[in-house]
PDB file of N, CA and C in Angstrom:
ATOM      1  N   MET A   1       0.856  -1.174   0.000  1.00  0.00           N
ATOM      2  CA  MET A   1       0.000   0.000   0.000  1.00  0.00           C
ATOM      3  C   MET A   1       0.902   1.237   0.000  1.00  0.00           C
ATOM      4  N   ASP A   2       0.725   2.069  -1.000  1.00  0.00           N
ATOM      5  CA  ASP A   2       1.574   3.265  -1.061  1.00  0.00           C
ATOM      6  C   ASP A   2       0.902   4.430  -0.323  1.00  0.00           C
ATOM      7  N   LEU A   3       1.545   5.571  -0.374  1.00  0.00           N
ATOM      8  CA  LEU A   3       1.103   6.714   0.429  1.00  0.00           C
ATOM      9  C   LEU A   3      -0.265   7.235  -0.011  1.00  0.00           C
ATOM     10  N   SER A   4      -0.554   7.250  -1.310  1.00  0.00           N
ATOM     11  CA  SER A   4      -1.840   7.785  -1.769  1.00  0.00           C
ATOM     12  C   SER A   4      -2.994   6.884  -1.330  1.00  0.00           C
ATOM     13  N   GLN A   5      -2.791   5.583  -1.372  1.00  0.00           N
ATOM     14  CA  GLN A   5      -3.836   4.678  -0.896  1.00  0.00           C
ATOM     15  C   GLN A   5      -4.046   4.843   0.608  1.00  0.00           C
ATOM     16  N   PHE A   6      -2.963   4.975   1.331  1.00  0.00           N
ATOM     17  CA  PHE A   6      -3.061   5.126   2.778  1.00  0.00           C
ATOM     18  C   PHE A   6      -3.754   6.434   3.145  1.00  0.00           C
ATOM     19  N   SER A   7      -3.411   7.519   2.453  1.00  0.00           N
ATOM     20  CA  SER A   7      -4.056   8.800   2.758  1.00  0.00           C
ATOM     21  C   SER A   7      -5.533   8.767   2.360  1.00  0.00           C
ATOM     22  N   GLY A   8      -5.860   8.097   1.265  1.00  0.00           N
ATOM     23  CA  GLY A   8      -7.265   7.950   0.893  1.00  0.00           C
ATOM     24  C   GLY A   8      -8.039   7.151   1.924  1.00  0.00           C
ATOM     25  N   PHE A   9      -7.406   6.105   2.428  1.00  0.00           N
ATOM     26  CA  PHE A   9      -8.038   5.308   3.480  1.00  0.00           C
ATOM     27  C   PHE A   9      -8.253   6.139   4.738  1.00  0.00           C
ATOM     28  N   LEU A  10      -7.285   6.970   5.089  1.00  0.00           N
ATOM     29  CA  LEU A  10      -7.445   7.822   6.273  1.00  0.00           C
ATOM     30  C   LEU A  10      -8.565   8.839   6.086  1.00  0.00           C
ATOM     31  N   VAL A  11      -8.679   9.395   4.880  1.00  0.00           N
ATOM     32  CA  VAL A  11      -9.771  10.338   4.604  1.00  0.00           C
ATOM     33  C   VAL A  11     -11.117   9.627   4.707  1.00  0.00           C
ATOM     34  N   PHE A  12     -11.205   8.436   4.116  1.00  0.00           N
ATOM     35  CA  PHE A  12     -12.444   7.657   4.217  1.00  0.00           C
ATOM     36  C   PHE A  12     -12.780   7.351   5.669  1.00  0.00           C
ATOM     37  N   LEU A  13     -11.789   6.936   6.430  1.00  0.00           N
ATOM     38  CA  LEU A  13     -12.010   6.607   7.832  1.00  0.00           C
ATOM     39  C   LEU A  13     -12.472   7.831   8.622  1.00  0.00           C
ATOM     40  N   ALA A  14     -11.888   8.988   8.340  1.00  0.00           N
ATOM     41  CA  ALA A  14     -12.283  10.213   9.044  1.00  0.00           C
ATOM     42  C   ALA A  14     -13.728  10.584   8.715  1.00  0.00           C
ATOM     43  N   ILE A  15     -14.107  10.528   7.435  1.00  0.00           N
ATOM     44  CA  ILE A  15     -15.474  10.878   7.040  1.00  0.00           C
ATOM     45  C   ILE A  15     -16.470   9.885   7.624  1.00  0.00           C
ATOM     46  N   PHE A  16     -16.129   8.606   7.567  1.00  0.00           N
ATOM     47  CA  PHE A  16     -17.013   7.576   8.118  1.00  0.00           C
ATOM     48  C   PHE A  16     -17.195   7.759   9.624  1.00  0.00           C
ATOM     49  N   THR A  17     -16.119   8.059  10.331  1.00  0.00           N
ATOM     50  CA  THR A  17     -16.197   8.245  11.780  1.00  0.00           C
ATOM     51  C   THR A  17     -17.018   9.483  12.135  1.00  0.00           C
ATOM     52  N   MET A  18     -16.823  10.571  11.393  1.00  0.00           N
ATOM     53  CA  MET A  18     -17.618  11.773  11.661  1.00  0.00           C
ATOM     54  C   MET A  18     -19.099  11.514  11.406  1.00  0.00           C
ATOM     55  N   GLY A  19     -19.412  10.805  10.338  1.00  0.00           N
ATOM     56  CA  GLY A  19     -20.806  10.472  10.055  1.00  0.00           C
ATOM     57  C   GLY A  19     -21.415   9.591  11.127  1.00  0.00           C
ATOM     58  N   PHE A  20     -20.634   8.634  11.610  1.00  0.00           N
ATOM     59  CA  PHE A  20     -21.116   7.738  12.664  1.00  0.00           C
ATOM     60  C   PHE A  20     -21.458   8.525  13.923  1.00  0.00           C
ATOM     61  N   TRP A  21     -20.556   9.383  14.367  1.00  0.00           N
ATOM     62  CA  TRP A  21     -20.819  10.134  15.594  1.00  0.00           C
ATOM     63  C   TRP A  21     -21.919  11.166  15.403  1.00  0.00           C
ATOM     64  N   LEU A  22     -22.058  11.714  14.198  1.00  0.00           N
ATOM     65  CA  LEU A  22     -23.161  12.632  13.926  1.00  0.00           C
ATOM     66  C   LEU A  22     -24.495  11.899  14.022  1.00  0.00           C
ATOM     67  N   MET A  23     -24.568  10.694  13.483  1.00  0.00           N
ATOM     68  CA  MET A  23     -25.805   9.922  13.583  1.00  0.00           C
ATOM     69  C   MET A  23     -26.114   9.562  15.040  1.00  0.00           C
ATOM     70  N   ILE A  24     -25.101   9.193  15.806  1.00  0.00           N
ATOM     71  CA  ILE A  24     -25.318   8.891  17.224  1.00  0.00           C
ATOM     72  C   ILE A  24     -25.852  10.128  17.946  1.00  0.00           C
ATOM     73  N   PHE A  25     -25.251  11.291  17.677  1.00  0.00           N
ATOM     74  CA  PHE A  25     -25.700  12.534  18.306  1.00  0.00           C
ATOM     75  C   PHE A  25     -27.140  12.853  17.917  1.00  0.00           C
ATOM     76  N   LEU A  26     -27.463  12.709  16.627  1.00  0.00           N
ATOM     77  CA  LEU A  26     -28.818  13.019  16.182  1.00  0.00           C
ATOM     78  C   LEU A  26     -29.840  12.072  16.800  1.00  0.00           C
ATOM     79  N   LEU A  27     -29.520  10.802  16.852  1.00  0.00           N
ATOM     80  CA  LEU A  27     -30.488   9.827  17.357  1.00  0.00           C
ATOM     81  C   LEU A  27     -30.661   9.890  18.867  1.00  0.00           C
ATOM     82  N   THR A  28     -29.652  10.342  19.598  1.00  0.00           N
ATOM     83  CA  THR A  28     -29.770  10.335  21.055  1.00  0.00           C
ATOM     84  C   THR A  28     -30.153  11.685  21.646  1.00  0.00           C
ATOM     85  N   PHE A  29     -29.896  12.780  20.951  1.00  0.00           N
ATOM     86  CA  PHE A  29     -30.187  14.097  21.525  1.00  0.00           C
ATOM     87  C   PHE A  29     -31.160  14.921  20.688  1.00  0.00           C
ATOM     88  N   VAL A  30     -30.894  15.102  19.423  1.00  0.00           N
ATOM     89  CA  VAL A  30     -31.655  16.064  18.622  1.00  0.00           C
ATOM     90  C   VAL A  30     -33.070  15.572  18.350  1.00  0.00           C
ATOM     91  N   ILE A  31     -33.212  14.350  17.889  1.00  0.00           N
ATOM     92  CA  ILE A  31     -34.541  13.847  17.537  1.00  0.00           C
ATOM     93  C   ILE A  31     -35.435  13.695  18.772  1.00  0.00           C
ATOM     94  N   PRO A  32     -34.952  13.132  19.887  1.00  0.00           N
ATOM     95  CA  PRO A  32     -35.819  13.103  21.080  1.00  0.00           C
ATOM     96  C   PRO A  32     -36.181  14.505  21.588  1.00  0.00           C
ATOM     97  N   TYR A  33     -35.252  15.451  21.520  1.00  0.00           N
ATOM     98  CA  TYR A  33     -35.543  16.827  21.947  1.00  0.00           C
ATOM     99  C   TYR A  33     -36.653  17.425  21.091  1.00  0.00           C
ATOM    100  N   TRP A  34     -36.578  17.190  19.777  1.00  0.00           N
ATOM    101  CA  TRP A  34     -37.579  17.706  18.859  1.00  0.00           C
ATOM    102  C   TRP A  34     -38.940  17.062  19.124  1.00  0.00           C
ATOM    103  N   LEU A  35     -38.960  15.748  19.322  1.00  0.00           N
ATOM    104  CA  LEU A  35     -40.224  15.051  19.547  1.00  0.00           C
ATOM    105  C   LEU A  35     -40.867  15.456  20.874  1.00  0.00           C
ATOM    106  N   VAL A  36     -40.077  15.557  21.933  1.00  0.00           N
ATOM    107  CA  VAL A  36     -40.626  15.948  23.235  1.00  0.00           C
ATOM    108  C   VAL A  36     -41.189  17.365  23.158  1.00  0.00           C
ATOM    109  N   GLY A  37     -40.489  18.272  22.505  1.00  0.00           N
ATOM    110  CA  GLY A  37     -40.994  19.632  22.355  1.00  0.00           C
ATOM    111  C   GLY A  37     -42.278  19.692  21.559  1.00  0.00           C
ATOM    112  N   TYR A  38     -42.356  18.893  20.508  1.00  0.00           N
ATOM    113  CA  TYR A  38     -43.563  18.871  19.679  1.00  0.00           C
ATOM    114  C   TYR A  38     -44.760  18.370  20.477  1.00  0.00           C
ATOM    115  N   PHE A  39     -44.593  17.247  21.179  1.00  0.00           N
ATOM    116  CA  PHE A  39     -45.721  16.688  21.929  1.00  0.00           C
ATOM    117  C   PHE A  39     -46.106  17.571  23.108  1.00  0.00           C
ATOM    118  N   ARG A  40     -45.137  18.212  23.743  1.00  0.00           N
ATOM    119  CA  ARG A  40     -45.439  19.107  24.858  1.00  0.00           C
ATOM    120  C   ARG A  40     -46.253  20.311  24.372  1.00  0.00           C
ATOM    121  N   GLU A  41     -45.872  20.863  23.219  1.00  0.00           N
ATOM    122  CA  GLU A  41     -46.594  22.009  22.683  1.00  0.00           C
ATOM    123  C   GLU A  41     -47.985  21.608  22.195  1.00  0.00           C
ATOM    124  N   ALA A  42     -48.104  20.451  21.568  1.00  0.00           N
ATOM    125  CA  ALA A  42     -49.413  19.978  21.113  1.00  0.00           C
ATOM    126  C   ALA A  42     -50.341  19.748  22.300  1.00  0.00           C
ATOM    127  N   TRP A  43     -49.806  19.200  23.389  1.00  0.00           N
ATOM    128  CA  TRP A  43     -50.615  18.966  24.579  1.00  0.00           C
ATOM    129  C   TRP A  43     -51.063  20.290  25.199  1.00  0.00           C
ATOM    130  N   LYS A  44     -50.167  21.289  25.192  1.00  0.00           N
ATOM    131  CA  LYS A  44     -50.507  22.603  25.743  1.00  0.00           C
ATOM    132  C   LYS A  44     -51.636  23.245  24.936  1.00  0.00           C
ATOM    133  N   TYR A  45     -51.554  23.163  23.592  1.00  0.00           N
ATOM    134  CA  TYR A  45     -52.602  23.750  22.760  1.00  0.00           C
ATOM    135  C   TYR A  45     -53.924  23.000  22.916  1.00  0.00           C
ATOM    136  N   ARG A  46     -53.860  21.691  23.063  1.00  0.00           N
ATOM    137  CA  ARG A  46     -55.076  20.915  23.252  1.00  0.00           C
ATOM    138  C   ARG A  46     -55.730  21.276  24.582  1.00  0.00           C
ATOM    139  N   LYS A  47     -54.905  21.492  25.605  1.00  0.00           N
ATOM    140  CA  LYS A  47     -55.413  21.876  26.918  1.00  0.00           C
ATOM    141  C   LYS A  47     -56.056  23.265  26.856  1.00  0.00           C
ATOM    142  N   GLU A  48     -55.437  24.196  26.116  1.00  0.00           N
ATOM    143  CA  GLU A  48     -56.010  25.535  25.968  1.00  0.00           C
ATOM    144  C   GLU A  48     -57.335  25.484  25.223  1.00  0.00           C
ATOM    145  N   ASP A  49     -57.441  24.641  24.206  1.00  0.00           N
ATOM    146  CA  ASP A  49     -58.688  24.531  23.452  1.00  0.00           C
ATOM    147  C   ASP A  49     -59.822  24.005  24.329  1.00  0.00           C
ATOM    148  N   LYS A  50     -59.519  23.084  25.232  1.00  0.00           N
ATOM    149  CA  LYS A  50     -60.555  22.550  26.118  1.00  0.00           C
ATOM    150  C   LYS A  50     -61.032  23.611  27.103  1.00  0.00           C
ATOM    151  N   THR A  51     -60.117  24.455  27.606  1.00  0.00           N
ATOM    152  CA  THR A  51     -60.530  25.496  28.553  1.00  0.00           C
ATOM    153  C   THR A  51     -61.333  26.579  27.849  1.00  0.00           C
ATOM    154  N   VAL A  52     -61.012  26.889  26.598  1.00  0.00           N
ATOM    155  CA  VAL A  52     -61.775  27.890  25.847  1.00  0.00           C
ATOM    156  C   VAL A  52     -63.164  27.351  25.525  1.00  0.00           C
ATOM    157  N   ALA A  53     -63.269  26.076  25.218  1.00  0.00           N
ATOM    158  CA  ALA A  53     -64.563  25.482  24.883  1.00  0.00           C
ATOM    159  C   ALA A  53     -65.488  25.444  26.097  1.00  0.00           C
ATOM    160  N   LYS A  54     -64.952  25.334  27.299  1.00  0.00           N
ATOM    161  CA  LYS A  54     -65.783  25.285  28.504  1.00  0.00           C
ATOM    162  C   LYS A  54     -66.375  26.649  28.836  1.00  0.00           C
ATOM    163  N   LYS A  55     -65.711  27.727  28.444  1.00  0.00           N
ATOM    164  CA  LYS A  55     -66.182  29.074  28.808  1.00  0.00           C
ATOM    165  C   LYS A  55     -67.309  29.559  27.944  1.00  0.00           C
TER     166      LYS A  55
END
């Protein structure tokens, strides 16, 4: 394996590793944060609609 193949392999490994950790970050923090915020806001609006309908 010469230097160009080795450097190409290192570039591939770096991109693959960054993509892997980005997916881990998205799946464990960003997507749950987005879903919890969405459901919390939907529940708040549903609760407000019920109180307005009672008045």
